[in-house]
Amino acid sequence: MYSRTTNMITPREILVSFFSMIFNNMTASDWIYLAGFIDGDGSLNVQIVKRKDYLYGFQIRAYISLYQKSKYNWFLEEWQKKLGRGSISTRKNGMSELTILGDSNVTEMLHSLVPHLLIKKNLAKLVLNILEKKELIKNRNDFLEVCLLIDKIVVFNNSKLRKIDSLYVKKEMEMPVETK
């Protein structure tokens, strides 16, 4: 793991080595394969979810999903073991999904995947940017700025079902709070 020109370990090599330890010693080949799988049969997403128990009335939820026909559940189970995280659900339409939730899980995975992604590289960078900015939220305006960034995900995911966007959040925040 030395740089060819200076015989010193580069920061990128240290980062890849660190994330390999976190993820049960996944190899570079594993990350390359997983990136291709995500480019084809996966999704990267950040949603705004209405939640009364959260500070601004909404949760910002990041996740990575891998999809496969349910008859190949074993394949998703193998990746779940290899990654050491995620949950598998089976849908009525014959598809199964391995979902990795949580800011730290998504951030850690994307740092290892970004160099290998082709189709979803810019989306992955946007998700990382959103998660970075989410950590810096101090007030409602900061929260709305992150929601505006989340709106940009629609361009990559072609989502037509998204109901909660930055405008919805802004309107909800402007509504008077009920008192009893």
C-alpha atoms as a PDB file:
ATOM      1  CA  MET A   1       0.000   0.000   0.000  1.00  0.00           C
ATOM      2  CA  TYR A   2       2.745   2.440  -0.851  1.00  0.00           C
ATOM      3  CA  SER A   3       2.517   5.221  -3.369  1.00  0.00           C
ATOM      4  CA  ARG A   4       4.503   4.177  -6.438  1.00  0.00           C
ATOM      5  CA  THR A   5       6.301   7.482  -6.705  1.00  0.00           C
ATOM      6  CA  THR A   6       7.177   8.291  -3.094  1.00  0.00           C
ATOM      7  CA  ASN A   7       7.092   4.923  -1.270  1.00  0.00           C
ATOM      8  CA  MET A   8       4.772   6.543   1.272  1.00  0.00           C
ATOM      9  CA  ILE A   9       1.242   5.520   2.195  1.00  0.00           C
ATOM     10  CA  THR A  10      -1.254   7.955   0.697  1.00  0.00           C
ATOM     11  CA  PRO A  11      -4.260   9.327   2.630  1.00  0.00           C
ATOM     12  CA  ARG A  12      -6.597   7.479   0.228  1.00  0.00           C
ATOM     13  CA  GLU A  13      -4.820   4.169   0.928  1.00  0.00           C
ATOM     14  CA  ILE A  14      -5.161   4.761   4.664  1.00  0.00           C
ATOM     15  CA  LEU A  15      -8.873   5.499   4.255  1.00  0.00           C
ATOM     16  CA  VAL A  16      -9.461   2.371   2.133  1.00  0.00           C
ATOM     17  CA  SER A  17      -7.538   0.294   4.659  1.00  0.00           C
ATOM     18  CA  PHE A  18      -9.573   1.752   7.545  1.00  0.00           C
ATOM     19  CA  PHE A  19     -12.922   1.088   5.866  1.00  0.00           C
ATOM     20  CA  SER A  20     -11.815  -2.441   4.949  1.00  0.00           C
ATOM     21  CA  MET A  21     -11.292  -3.128   8.660  1.00  0.00           C
ATOM     22  CA  ILE A  22     -14.734  -1.729   9.522  1.00  0.00           C
ATOM     23  CA  PHE A  23     -16.394  -3.878   6.863  1.00  0.00           C
ATOM     24  CA  ASN A  24     -15.050  -7.309   7.811  1.00  0.00           C
ATOM     25  CA  ASN A  25     -11.975  -6.988   5.624  1.00  0.00           C
ATOM     26  CA  MET A  26     -13.746  -6.488   2.326  1.00  0.00           C
ATOM     27  CA  THR A  27     -11.286  -6.554  -0.529  1.00  0.00           C
ATOM     28  CA  ALA A  28     -10.876  -3.933  -3.239  1.00  0.00           C
ATOM     29  CA  SER A  29     -12.522  -6.432  -5.609  1.00  0.00           C
ATOM     30  CA  ASP A  30     -15.528  -6.638  -3.267  1.00  0.00           C
ATOM     31  CA  TRP A  31     -15.936  -2.851  -3.346  1.00  0.00           C
ATOM     32  CA  ILE A  32     -15.625  -2.788  -7.133  1.00  0.00           C
ATOM     33  CA  TYR A  33     -18.224  -5.542  -7.511  1.00  0.00           C
ATOM     34  CA  LEU A  34     -20.566  -3.868  -5.006  1.00  0.00           C
ATOM     35  CA  ALA A  35     -20.239  -0.528  -6.819  1.00  0.00           C
ATOM     36  CA  GLY A  36     -21.245  -2.190 -10.079  1.00  0.00           C
ATOM     37  CA  PHE A  37     -24.153  -3.898  -8.360  1.00  0.00           C
ATOM     38  CA  ILE A  38     -25.334  -0.576  -6.909  1.00  0.00           C
ATOM     39  CA  ASP A  39     -24.902   1.159 -10.273  1.00  0.00           C
ATOM     40  CA  GLY A  40     -27.212  -1.469 -11.790  1.00  0.00           C
ATOM     41  CA  ASP A  41     -29.547  -2.889  -9.145  1.00  0.00           C
ATOM     42  CA  GLY A  42     -29.181  -0.551  -6.213  1.00  0.00           C
ATOM     43  CA  SER A  43     -30.233   2.834  -4.983  1.00  0.00           C
ATOM     44  CA  LEU A  44     -28.774   5.636  -2.911  1.00  0.00           C
ATOM     45  CA  ASN A  45     -31.280   7.920  -1.306  1.00  0.00           C
ATOM     46  CA  VAL A  46     -31.924  10.524   1.349  1.00  0.00           C
ATOM     47  CA  GLN A  47     -35.530  11.125   2.366  1.00  0.00           C
ATOM     48  CA  ILE A  48     -37.323  13.695   4.448  1.00  0.00           C
ATOM     49  CA  VAL A  49     -39.720  11.822   6.721  1.00  0.00           C
ATOM     50  CA  LYS A  50     -42.393  13.528   8.808  1.00  0.00           C
ATOM     51  CA  ARG A  51     -41.754  12.715  12.487  1.00  0.00           C
ATOM     52  CA  LYS A  52     -43.326  14.651  15.347  1.00  0.00           C
ATOM     53  CA  ASP A  53     -40.677  13.402  17.766  1.00  0.00           C
ATOM     54  CA  TYR A  54     -37.837  15.118  15.846  1.00  0.00           C
ATOM     55  CA  LEU A  55     -36.640  18.672  16.518  1.00  0.00           C
ATOM     56  CA  TYR A  56     -37.992  20.267  13.333  1.00  0.00           C
ATOM     57  CA  GLY A  57     -40.827  17.759  12.865  1.00  0.00           C
ATOM     58  CA  PHE A  58     -38.943  15.812  10.210  1.00  0.00           C
ATOM     59  CA  GLN A  59     -36.252  13.158  10.046  1.00  0.00           C
ATOM     60  CA  ILE A  60     -33.562  13.153   7.368  1.00  0.00           C
ATOM     61  CA  ARG A  61     -32.942   9.472   6.562  1.00  0.00           C
ATOM     62  CA  ALA A  62     -30.142   8.164   4.339  1.00  0.00           C
ATOM     63  CA  TYR A  63     -29.984   4.642   2.999  1.00  0.00           C
ATOM     64  CA  ILE A  64     -28.437   2.349   0.428  1.00  0.00           C
ATOM     65  CA  SER A  65     -30.539  -0.459  -1.042  1.00  0.00           C
ATOM     66  CA  LEU A  66     -29.648  -3.486  -3.141  1.00  0.00           C
ATOM     67  CA  TYR A  67     -32.425  -5.283  -5.025  1.00  0.00           C
ATOM     68  CA  GLN A  68     -32.592  -8.874  -6.203  1.00  0.00           C
ATOM     69  CA  LYS A  69     -35.252 -11.437  -7.087  1.00  0.00           C
ATOM     70  CA  SER A  70     -36.356 -13.204  -3.904  1.00  0.00           C
ATOM     71  CA  LYS A  71     -35.154 -16.566  -5.209  1.00  0.00           C
ATOM     72  CA  TYR A  72     -31.633 -15.095  -4.914  1.00  0.00           C
ATOM     73  CA  ASN A  73     -32.070 -14.012  -1.281  1.00  0.00           C
ATOM     74  CA  TRP A  74     -28.933 -15.982  -0.453  1.00  0.00           C
ATOM     75  CA  PHE A  75     -26.951 -13.451  -2.489  1.00  0.00           C
ATOM     76  CA  LEU A  76     -28.239 -10.516  -0.425  1.00  0.00           C
ATOM     77  CA  GLU A  77     -27.629 -12.514   2.775  1.00  0.00           C
ATOM     78  CA  GLU A  78     -23.994 -13.011   1.732  1.00  0.00           C
ATOM     79  CA  TRP A  79     -23.558  -9.264   1.210  1.00  0.00           C
ATOM     80  CA  GLN A  80     -25.274  -8.552   4.525  1.00  0.00           C
ATOM     81  CA  LYS A  81     -22.735 -10.836   6.263  1.00  0.00           C
ATOM     82  CA  LYS A  82     -19.802  -9.358   4.357  1.00  0.00           C
ATOM     83  CA  LEU A  83     -20.839  -5.789   5.182  1.00  0.00           C
ATOM     84  CA  GLY A  84     -21.809  -6.658   8.756  1.00  0.00           C
ATOM     85  CA  ARG A  85     -24.921  -4.512   8.531  1.00  0.00           C
ATOM     86  CA  GLY A  86     -28.287  -4.045   6.874  1.00  0.00           C
ATOM     87  CA  SER A  87     -31.657  -5.746   6.901  1.00  0.00           C
ATOM     88  CA  ILE A  88     -33.365  -7.812   4.226  1.00  0.00           C
ATOM     89  CA  SER A  89     -37.039  -7.554   3.372  1.00  0.00           C
ATOM     90  CA  THR A  90     -39.060  -9.534   0.862  1.00  0.00           C
ATOM     91  CA  ARG A  91     -41.801  -7.873  -1.130  1.00  0.00           C
ATOM     92  CA  LYS A  92     -44.992  -9.411  -2.452  1.00  0.00           C
ATOM     93  CA  ASN A  93     -43.822  -8.728  -6.026  1.00  0.00           C
ATOM     94  CA  GLY A  94     -41.057 -11.337  -5.816  1.00  0.00           C
ATOM     95  CA  MET A  95     -38.236  -8.888  -5.099  1.00  0.00           C
ATOM     96  CA  SER A  96     -36.019  -8.689  -2.041  1.00  0.00           C
ATOM     97  CA  GLU A  97     -34.103  -5.720  -0.753  1.00  0.00           C
ATOM     98  CA  LEU A  98     -31.016  -5.345   1.419  1.00  0.00           C
ATOM     99  CA  THR A  99     -31.208  -1.923   3.048  1.00  0.00           C
ATOM    100  CA  ILE A 100     -28.378  -0.231   4.915  1.00  0.00           C
ATOM    101  CA  LEU A 101     -29.717   2.634   7.033  1.00  0.00           C
ATOM    102  CA  GLY A 102     -28.040   5.279   9.117  1.00  0.00           C
ATOM    103  CA  ASP A 103     -25.807   8.231   8.456  1.00  0.00           C
ATOM    104  CA  SER A 104     -22.572   6.610   9.642  1.00  0.00           C
ATOM    105  CA  ASN A 105     -23.218   3.338   7.782  1.00  0.00           C
ATOM    106  CA  VAL A 106     -24.059   5.157   4.551  1.00  0.00           C
ATOM    107  CA  THR A 107     -21.125   7.571   4.899  1.00  0.00           C
ATOM    108  CA  GLU A 108     -18.622   4.787   5.581  1.00  0.00           C
ATOM    109  CA  MET A 109     -19.862   2.717   2.655  1.00  0.00           C
ATOM    110  CA  LEU A 110     -19.974   5.601   0.202  1.00  0.00           C
ATOM    111  CA  HIS A 111     -16.406   6.618   0.986  1.00  0.00           C
ATOM    112  CA  SER A 112     -15.330   3.140  -0.125  1.00  0.00           C
ATOM    113  CA  LEU A 113     -17.706   3.004  -3.096  1.00  0.00           C
ATOM    114  CA  VAL A 114     -17.324   6.460  -4.699  1.00  0.00           C
ATOM    115  CA  PRO A 115     -14.016   5.692  -6.459  1.00  0.00           C
ATOM    116  CA  HIS A 116     -15.640   2.673  -8.144  1.00  0.00           C
ATOM    117  CA  LEU A 117     -19.107   3.968  -9.003  1.00  0.00           C
ATOM    118  CA  LEU A 118     -19.754   5.007 -12.584  1.00  0.00           C
ATOM    119  CA  ILE A 119     -23.447   5.776 -13.037  1.00  0.00           C
ATOM    120  CA  LYS A 120     -24.221   6.859  -9.469  1.00  0.00           C
ATOM    121  CA  LYS A 121     -20.933   8.572  -8.579  1.00  0.00           C
ATOM    122  CA  ASN A 122     -22.398  12.119  -8.617  1.00  0.00           C
ATOM    123  CA  LEU A 123     -25.420  10.942  -6.635  1.00  0.00           C
ATOM    124  CA  ALA A 124     -23.107   9.363  -4.052  1.00  0.00           C
ATOM    125  CA  LYS A 125     -21.158  12.621  -3.762  1.00  0.00           C
ATOM    126  CA  LEU A 126     -24.432  14.519  -3.269  1.00  0.00           C
ATOM    127  CA  VAL A 127     -25.525  12.092  -0.538  1.00  0.00           C
ATOM    128  CA  LEU A 128     -22.169  12.538   1.218  1.00  0.00           C
ATOM    129  CA  ASN A 129     -22.535  16.329   0.941  1.00  0.00           C
ATOM    130  CA  ILE A 130     -26.041  16.166   2.426  1.00  0.00           C
ATOM    131  CA  LEU A 131     -24.864  14.022   5.339  1.00  0.00           C
ATOM    132  CA  GLU A 132     -21.937  16.353   5.975  1.00  0.00           C
ATOM    133  CA  LYS A 133     -24.217  19.420   5.997  1.00  0.00           C
ATOM    134  CA  LYS A 134     -26.756  17.588   8.171  1.00  0.00           C
ATOM    135  CA  GLU A 135     -24.118  17.358  10.904  1.00  0.00           C
ATOM    136  CA  LEU A 136     -23.806  21.168  10.842  1.00  0.00           C
ATOM    137  CA  ILE A 137     -27.520  21.979  11.291  1.00  0.00           C
ATOM    138  CA  LYS A 138     -27.955  24.569  14.049  1.00  0.00           C
ATOM    139  CA  ASN A 139     -31.318  26.140  13.188  1.00  0.00           C
ATOM    140  CA  ARG A 140     -34.379  25.949  10.936  1.00  0.00           C
ATOM    141  CA  ASN A 141     -32.650  27.734   8.058  1.00  0.00           C
ATOM    142  CA  ASP A 142     -29.788  25.213   8.123  1.00  0.00           C
ATOM    143  CA  PHE A 143     -32.362  22.417   8.167  1.00  0.00           C
ATOM    144  CA  LEU A 144     -34.168  23.906   5.153  1.00  0.00           C
ATOM    145  CA  GLU A 145     -30.856  24.220   3.270  1.00  0.00           C
ATOM    146  CA  VAL A 146     -30.276  20.504   3.735  1.00  0.00           C
ATOM    147  CA  CYS A 147     -33.841  19.835   2.545  1.00  0.00           C
ATOM    148  CA  LEU A 148     -33.090  21.860  -0.602  1.00  0.00           C
ATOM    149  CA  LEU A 149     -30.074  19.633  -1.254  1.00  0.00           C
ATOM    150  CA  ILE A 150     -32.263  16.558  -0.777  1.00  0.00           C
ATOM    151  CA  ASP A 151     -34.600  17.927  -3.473  1.00  0.00           C
ATOM    152  CA  LYS A 152     -31.701  17.548  -5.949  1.00  0.00           C
ATOM    153  CA  ILE A 153     -31.761  13.764  -5.485  1.00  0.00           C
ATOM    154  CA  VAL A 154     -34.943  13.666  -7.586  1.00  0.00           C
ATOM    155  CA  VAL A 155     -32.834  14.488 -10.654  1.00  0.00           C
ATOM    156  CA  PHE A 156     -30.797  11.308 -10.143  1.00  0.00           C
ATOM    157  CA  ASN A 157     -33.532   8.959  -8.941  1.00  0.00           C
ATOM    158  CA  ASN A 158     -36.390  10.074 -11.200  1.00  0.00           C
ATOM    159  CA  SER A 159     -38.665   9.810  -8.180  1.00  0.00           C
ATOM    160  CA  LYS A 160     -42.275  10.605  -8.905  1.00  0.00           C
ATOM    161  CA  LEU A 161     -43.619   9.424  -5.548  1.00  0.00           C
ATOM    162  CA  ARG A 162     -41.774  11.893  -3.321  1.00  0.00           C
ATOM    163  CA  LYS A 163     -44.376  13.908  -1.413  1.00  0.00           C
ATOM    164  CA  ILE A 164     -42.235  15.596   1.210  1.00  0.00           C
ATOM    165  CA  ASP A 165     -39.799  18.112  -0.236  1.00  0.00           C
ATOM    166  CA  SER A 166     -38.274  21.389   0.943  1.00  0.00           C
ATOM    167  CA  LEU A 167     -41.421  23.383   0.092  1.00  0.00           C
ATOM    168  CA  TYR A 168     -43.570  21.004   2.121  1.00  0.00           C
ATOM    169  CA  VAL A 169     -41.147  21.255   5.056  1.00  0.00           C
ATOM    170  CA  LYS A 170     -41.090  25.064   4.848  1.00  0.00           C
ATOM    171  CA  LYS A 171     -44.904  25.261   4.842  1.00  0.00           C
ATOM    172  CA  GLU A 172     -45.145  22.884   7.809  1.00  0.00           C
ATOM    173  CA  MET A 173     -42.578  24.915   9.765  1.00  0.00           C
ATOM    174  CA  GLU A 174     -44.551  28.109   9.166  1.00  0.00           C
ATOM    175  CA  MET A 175     -47.779  26.634  10.555  1.00  0.00           C
ATOM    176  CA  PRO A 176     -48.687  27.710  14.076  1.00  0.00           C
ATOM    177  CA  VAL A 177     -48.055  25.164  16.807  1.00  0.00           C
ATOM    178  CA  GLU A 178     -51.162  23.888  18.610  1.00  0.00           C
ATOM    179  CA  THR A 179     -51.323  24.560  22.339  1.00  0.00           C
ATOM    180  CA  LYS A 180     -53.571  22.822  24.824  1.00  0.00           C
END
